[in-house]
C-alpha atoms as a PDB file:
ATOM      1  CA  UNK A   1     -19.264  98.640  15.663  1.00  0.00           C
ATOM      2  CA  UNK A   2     -17.257  97.930  18.824  1.00  0.00           C
ATOM      3  CA  UNK A   3     -20.441  96.763  20.539  1.00  0.00           C
ATOM      4  CA  UNK A   4     -21.124  94.263  17.764  1.00  0.00           C
ATOM      5  CA  UNK A   5     -17.591  92.818  17.994  1.00  0.00           C
ATOM      6  CA  UNK A   6     -17.880  92.522  21.787  1.00  0.00           C
ATOM      7  CA  UNK A   7     -21.252  90.792  21.486  1.00  0.00           C
ATOM      8  CA  UNK A   8     -19.851  88.321  18.973  1.00  0.00           C
ATOM      9  CA  UNK A   9     -16.962  87.497  21.302  1.00  0.00           C
ATOM     10  CA  UNK A  10     -19.246  87.079  24.315  1.00  0.00           C
ATOM     11  CA  UNK A  11     -21.805  84.842  22.608  1.00  0.00           C
ATOM     12  CA  UNK A  12     -20.124  81.939  20.885  1.00  0.00           C
ATOM     13  CA  UNK A  13     -21.658  80.771  17.683  1.00  0.00           C
ATOM     14  CA  UNK A  14     -23.587  77.593  18.257  1.00  0.00           C
ATOM     15  CA  UNK A  15     -22.465  74.590  16.276  1.00  0.00           C
ATOM     16  CA  UNK A  16     -23.801  71.095  16.392  1.00  0.00           C
ATOM     17  CA  UNK A  17     -21.689  67.982  16.128  1.00  0.00           C
ATOM     18  CA  UNK A  18     -22.737  64.625  14.797  1.00  0.00           C
ATOM     19  CA  UNK A  19     -21.484  61.255  15.910  1.00  0.00           C
ATOM     20  CA  UNK A  20     -19.995  58.956  13.322  1.00  0.00           C
ATOM     21  CA  UNK A  21     -20.647  55.258  13.570  1.00  0.00           C
ATOM     22  CA  UNK A  22     -17.712  52.996  12.755  1.00  0.00           C
ATOM     23  CA  UNK A  23     -17.994  51.069   9.500  1.00  0.00           C
ATOM     24  CA  UNK A  24     -17.892  47.390  10.400  1.00  0.00           C
ATOM     25  CA  UNK A  25     -15.611  46.216   7.578  1.00  0.00           C
ATOM     26  CA  UNK A  26     -12.290  45.213   9.167  1.00  0.00           C
ATOM     27  CA  UNK A  27     -10.596  44.170   5.912  1.00  0.00           C
ATOM     28  CA  UNK A  28     -11.502  47.457   4.214  1.00  0.00           C
ATOM     29  CA  UNK A  29     -10.353  49.406   7.282  1.00  0.00           C
ATOM     30  CA  UNK A  30      -7.015  47.575   7.300  1.00  0.00           C
ATOM     31  CA  UNK A  31      -6.425  48.159   3.598  1.00  0.00           C
ATOM     32  CA  UNK A  32      -7.370  51.848   3.667  1.00  0.00           C
ATOM     33  CA  UNK A  33      -5.546  52.480   6.929  1.00  0.00           C
ATOM     34  CA  UNK A  34      -2.261  51.007   5.683  1.00  0.00           C
ATOM     35  CA  UNK A  35      -2.487  51.879   1.963  1.00  0.00           C
ATOM     36  CA  UNK A  36       0.440  53.524   0.175  1.00  0.00           C
ATOM     37  CA  UNK A  37       0.201  54.750  -3.416  1.00  0.00           C
ATOM     38  CA  UNK A  38       3.249  53.521  -5.319  1.00  0.00           C
ATOM     39  CA  UNK A  39       2.452  55.121  -8.686  1.00  0.00           C
ATOM     40  CA  UNK A  40      -0.175  56.729 -10.873  1.00  0.00           C
ATOM     41  CA  UNK A  41      -0.003  57.455 -14.584  1.00  0.00           C
ATOM     42  CA  UNK A  42       1.504  60.912 -14.974  1.00  0.00           C
ATOM     43  CA  UNK A  43      -0.246  63.681 -16.870  1.00  0.00           C
ATOM     44  CA  UNK A  44       0.660  63.531 -20.552  1.00  0.00           C
ATOM     45  CA  UNK A  45       1.673  59.880 -20.296  1.00  0.00           C
ATOM     46  CA  UNK A  46       1.449  57.650 -23.352  1.00  0.00           C
ATOM     47  CA  UNK A  47      -0.335  55.026 -21.202  1.00  0.00           C
ATOM     48  CA  UNK A  48      -3.847  54.488 -22.597  1.00  0.00           C
ATOM     49  CA  UNK A  49      -5.605  54.450 -19.185  1.00  0.00           C
ATOM     50  CA  UNK A  50      -5.525  55.980 -15.750  1.00  0.00           C
ATOM     51  CA  UNK A  51      -3.650  53.416 -13.673  1.00  0.00           C
ATOM     52  CA  UNK A  52      -3.055  53.658  -9.940  1.00  0.00           C
ATOM     53  CA  UNK A  53      -0.881  51.190  -8.031  1.00  0.00           C
ATOM     54  CA  UNK A  54      -1.203  50.705  -4.261  1.00  0.00           C
ATOM     55  CA  UNK A  55       0.556  48.555  -1.671  1.00  0.00           C
ATOM     56  CA  UNK A  56      -0.999  47.613   1.672  1.00  0.00           C
ATOM     57  CA  UNK A  57       0.510  45.293   4.298  1.00  0.00           C
ATOM     58  CA  UNK A  58      -1.894  42.651   5.579  1.00  0.00           C
ATOM     59  CA  UNK A  59      -0.886  43.519   9.144  1.00  0.00           C
ATOM     60  CA  UNK A  60       1.254  45.894  11.142  1.00  0.00           C
ATOM     61  CA  UNK A  61       4.296  44.023  12.354  1.00  0.00           C
ATOM     62  CA  UNK A  62       8.017  43.566  12.139  1.00  0.00           C
ATOM     63  CA  UNK A  63      10.204  40.835  10.778  1.00  0.00           C
ATOM     64  CA  UNK A  64      11.735  38.518  13.362  1.00  0.00           C
ATOM     65  CA  UNK A  65      14.930  37.579  11.549  1.00  0.00           C
ATOM     66  CA  UNK A  66      13.555  35.383   8.781  1.00  0.00           C
ATOM     67  CA  UNK A  67      11.929  36.444   5.541  1.00  0.00           C
ATOM     68  CA  UNK A  68       8.918  34.236   6.311  1.00  0.00           C
ATOM     69  CA  UNK A  69       8.269  36.181   9.527  1.00  0.00           C
ATOM     70  CA  UNK A  70       7.778  39.470   7.646  1.00  0.00           C
ATOM     71  CA  UNK A  71       4.189  40.600   7.018  1.00  0.00           C
ATOM     72  CA  UNK A  72       2.898  40.077   3.496  1.00  0.00           C
ATOM     73  CA  UNK A  73       1.977  43.066   1.351  1.00  0.00           C
ATOM     74  CA  UNK A  74      -1.002  43.236  -1.008  1.00  0.00           C
ATOM     75  CA  UNK A  75      -0.605  45.009  -4.359  1.00  0.00           C
ATOM     76  CA  UNK A  76      -3.712  46.604  -5.880  1.00  0.00           C
ATOM     77  CA  UNK A  77      -4.057  48.118  -9.350  1.00  0.00           C
ATOM     78  CA  UNK A  78      -6.986  50.249 -10.481  1.00  0.00           C
ATOM     79  CA  UNK A  79      -7.570  50.955 -14.167  1.00  0.00           C
ATOM     80  CA  UNK A  80     -10.050  53.320 -15.794  1.00  0.00           C
ATOM     81  CA  UNK A  81     -10.621  55.372 -18.895  1.00  0.00           C
ATOM     82  CA  UNK A  82     -11.427  58.396 -16.741  1.00  0.00           C
ATOM     83  CA  UNK A  83     -15.003  58.652 -18.019  1.00  0.00           C
ATOM     84  CA  UNK A  84     -17.800  60.140 -15.927  1.00  0.00           C
ATOM     85  CA  UNK A  85     -19.732  57.533 -13.909  1.00  0.00           C
ATOM     86  CA  UNK A  86     -17.100  54.885 -14.693  1.00  0.00           C
ATOM     87  CA  UNK A  87     -16.124  52.553 -11.856  1.00  0.00           C
ATOM     88  CA  UNK A  88     -12.429  51.652 -12.064  1.00  0.00           C
ATOM     89  CA  UNK A  89     -11.528  47.985 -12.454  1.00  0.00           C
ATOM     90  CA  UNK A  90      -9.524  46.554  -9.544  1.00  0.00           C
ATOM     91  CA  UNK A  91      -6.812  43.902  -9.916  1.00  0.00           C
ATOM     92  CA  UNK A  92      -4.615  42.329  -7.236  1.00  0.00           C
ATOM     93  CA  UNK A  93      -1.222  40.658  -7.637  1.00  0.00           C
ATOM     94  CA  UNK A  94      -0.104  37.743  -5.431  1.00  0.00           C
ATOM     95  CA  UNK A  95       1.063  38.561  -1.908  1.00  0.00           C
ATOM     96  CA  UNK A  96       4.749  39.418  -1.509  1.00  0.00           C
ATOM     97  CA  UNK A  97       6.928  40.739   1.333  1.00  0.00           C
ATOM     98  CA  UNK A  98       7.128  44.165  -0.293  1.00  0.00           C
ATOM     99  CA  UNK A  99       6.698  45.993  -3.587  1.00  0.00           C
ATOM    100  CA  UNK A 100       8.629  48.641  -5.491  1.00  0.00           C
ATOM    101  CA  UNK A 101       7.404  50.432  -8.620  1.00  0.00           C
ATOM    102  CA  UNK A 102      10.194  50.344 -11.216  1.00  0.00           C
ATOM    103  CA  UNK A 103       8.594  52.339 -14.014  1.00  0.00           C
ATOM    104  CA  UNK A 104       6.241  52.573 -16.956  1.00  0.00           C
ATOM    105  CA  UNK A 105       6.910  50.620 -20.142  1.00  0.00           C
ATOM    106  CA  UNK A 106       5.617  51.370 -23.616  1.00  0.00           C
ATOM    107  CA  UNK A 107       1.935  50.434 -23.993  1.00  0.00           C
ATOM    108  CA  UNK A 108       1.265  47.285 -26.007  1.00  0.00           C
ATOM    109  CA  UNK A 109      -1.645  45.893 -27.990  1.00  0.00           C
ATOM    110  CA  UNK A 110      -2.769  42.363 -27.181  1.00  0.00           C
ATOM    111  CA  UNK A 111      -5.313  41.160 -29.735  1.00  0.00           C
ATOM    112  CA  UNK A 112      -7.490  44.265 -30.141  1.00  0.00           C
ATOM    113  CA  UNK A 113      -6.940  45.571 -26.617  1.00  0.00           C
ATOM    114  CA  UNK A 114      -4.513  48.378 -25.873  1.00  0.00           C
ATOM    115  CA  UNK A 115      -2.744  47.667 -22.565  1.00  0.00           C
ATOM    116  CA  UNK A 116      -0.964  49.943 -20.110  1.00  0.00           C
ATOM    117  CA  UNK A 117       2.398  48.459 -19.160  1.00  0.00           C
ATOM    118  CA  UNK A 118       4.664  48.805 -16.131  1.00  0.00           C
ATOM    119  CA  UNK A 119       7.271  46.962 -14.078  1.00  0.00           C
ATOM    120  CA  UNK A 120       7.253  46.156 -10.358  1.00  0.00           C
ATOM    121  CA  UNK A 121       9.867  44.456  -8.214  1.00  0.00           C
ATOM    122  CA  UNK A 122       9.447  42.555  -4.982  1.00  0.00           C
ATOM    123  CA  UNK A 123      11.326  43.918  -1.977  1.00  0.00           C
ATOM    124  CA  UNK A 124      12.099  43.129   1.626  1.00  0.00           C
ATOM    125  CA  UNK A 125      11.688  45.465   4.594  1.00  0.00           C
ATOM    126  CA  UNK A 126      14.843  47.386   5.489  1.00  0.00           C
ATOM    127  CA  UNK A 127      15.262  46.022   9.005  1.00  0.00           C
ATOM    128  CA  UNK A 128      15.005  42.984  11.285  1.00  0.00           C
ATOM    129  CA  UNK A 129      16.084  40.388   8.720  1.00  0.00           C
ATOM    130  CA  UNK A 130      19.216  38.377   9.452  1.00  0.00           C
ATOM    131  CA  UNK A 131      22.070  38.902   6.976  1.00  0.00           C
ATOM    132  CA  UNK A 132      22.069  35.242   5.888  1.00  0.00           C
ATOM    133  CA  UNK A 133      18.303  35.319   5.239  1.00  0.00           C
ATOM    134  CA  UNK A 134      18.572  38.591   3.299  1.00  0.00           C
ATOM    135  CA  UNK A 135      21.446  37.277   1.182  1.00  0.00           C
ATOM    136  CA  UNK A 136      19.589  34.098   0.224  1.00  0.00           C
ATOM    137  CA  UNK A 137      16.415  35.964  -0.802  1.00  0.00           C
ATOM    138  CA  UNK A 138      16.040  36.898  -4.484  1.00  0.00           C
ATOM    139  CA  UNK A 139      13.693  39.622  -5.727  1.00  0.00           C
ATOM    140  CA  UNK A 140      11.295  38.961  -8.574  1.00  0.00           C
ATOM    141  CA  UNK A 141      10.435  41.369 -11.359  1.00  0.00           C
ATOM    142  CA  UNK A 142       6.808  41.565 -12.528  1.00  0.00           C
ATOM    143  CA  UNK A 143       5.915  42.997 -15.942  1.00  0.00           C
ATOM    144  CA  UNK A 144       2.241  43.899 -15.767  1.00  0.00           C
ATOM    145  CA  UNK A 145      -0.214  44.665 -18.586  1.00  0.00           C
ATOM    146  CA  UNK A 146      -3.620  46.125 -17.669  1.00  0.00           C
ATOM    147  CA  UNK A 147      -6.747  47.489 -19.281  1.00  0.00           C
ATOM    148  CA  UNK A 148     -10.319  47.841 -18.024  1.00  0.00           C
ATOM    149  CA  UNK A 149     -11.112  44.607 -19.892  1.00  0.00           C
ATOM    150  CA  UNK A 150      -8.191  42.342 -18.906  1.00  0.00           C
ATOM    151  CA  UNK A 151      -4.817  42.063 -17.252  1.00  0.00           C
ATOM    152  CA  UNK A 152      -1.807  39.764 -17.160  1.00  0.00           C
ATOM    153  CA  UNK A 153       1.652  39.617 -15.678  1.00  0.00           C
ATOM    154  CA  UNK A 154       4.930  37.805 -16.250  1.00  0.00           C
ATOM    155  CA  UNK A 155       7.496  37.108 -13.526  1.00  0.00           C
ATOM    156  CA  UNK A 156      11.263  37.094 -14.019  1.00  0.00           C
END
């Protein structure tokens, strides 16, 4: 037995590596590399679909005092029934300086379509914005309704 253990230690097990080629899709790489999940429907939720909400800055950078100098952030929403072989539907809200998930609302029915419902709020980065610029900026609240068939939002 000792001989077998010694032989195994002396002769390393051969393993072969494989090179990976980079995927030449810069926009996809930027989104996936910077993506943050803000929310997903919790187990046992009364929401009628599986909804996932993601934020991804369009670039890595800092604000330079003004709100306009801050990088924009994309907001993506995927919606699915959770069925096998189903491809989730992807929606995108308009660019903002930042996003915060505020919570789920009661689902609603629009026409004959049951819609998941939630609220988001625009935000600013925590640093590098002058006090005067921060004070003059006003967040917006988005109420979003989504289903695999349609979506809509209202801004307050």
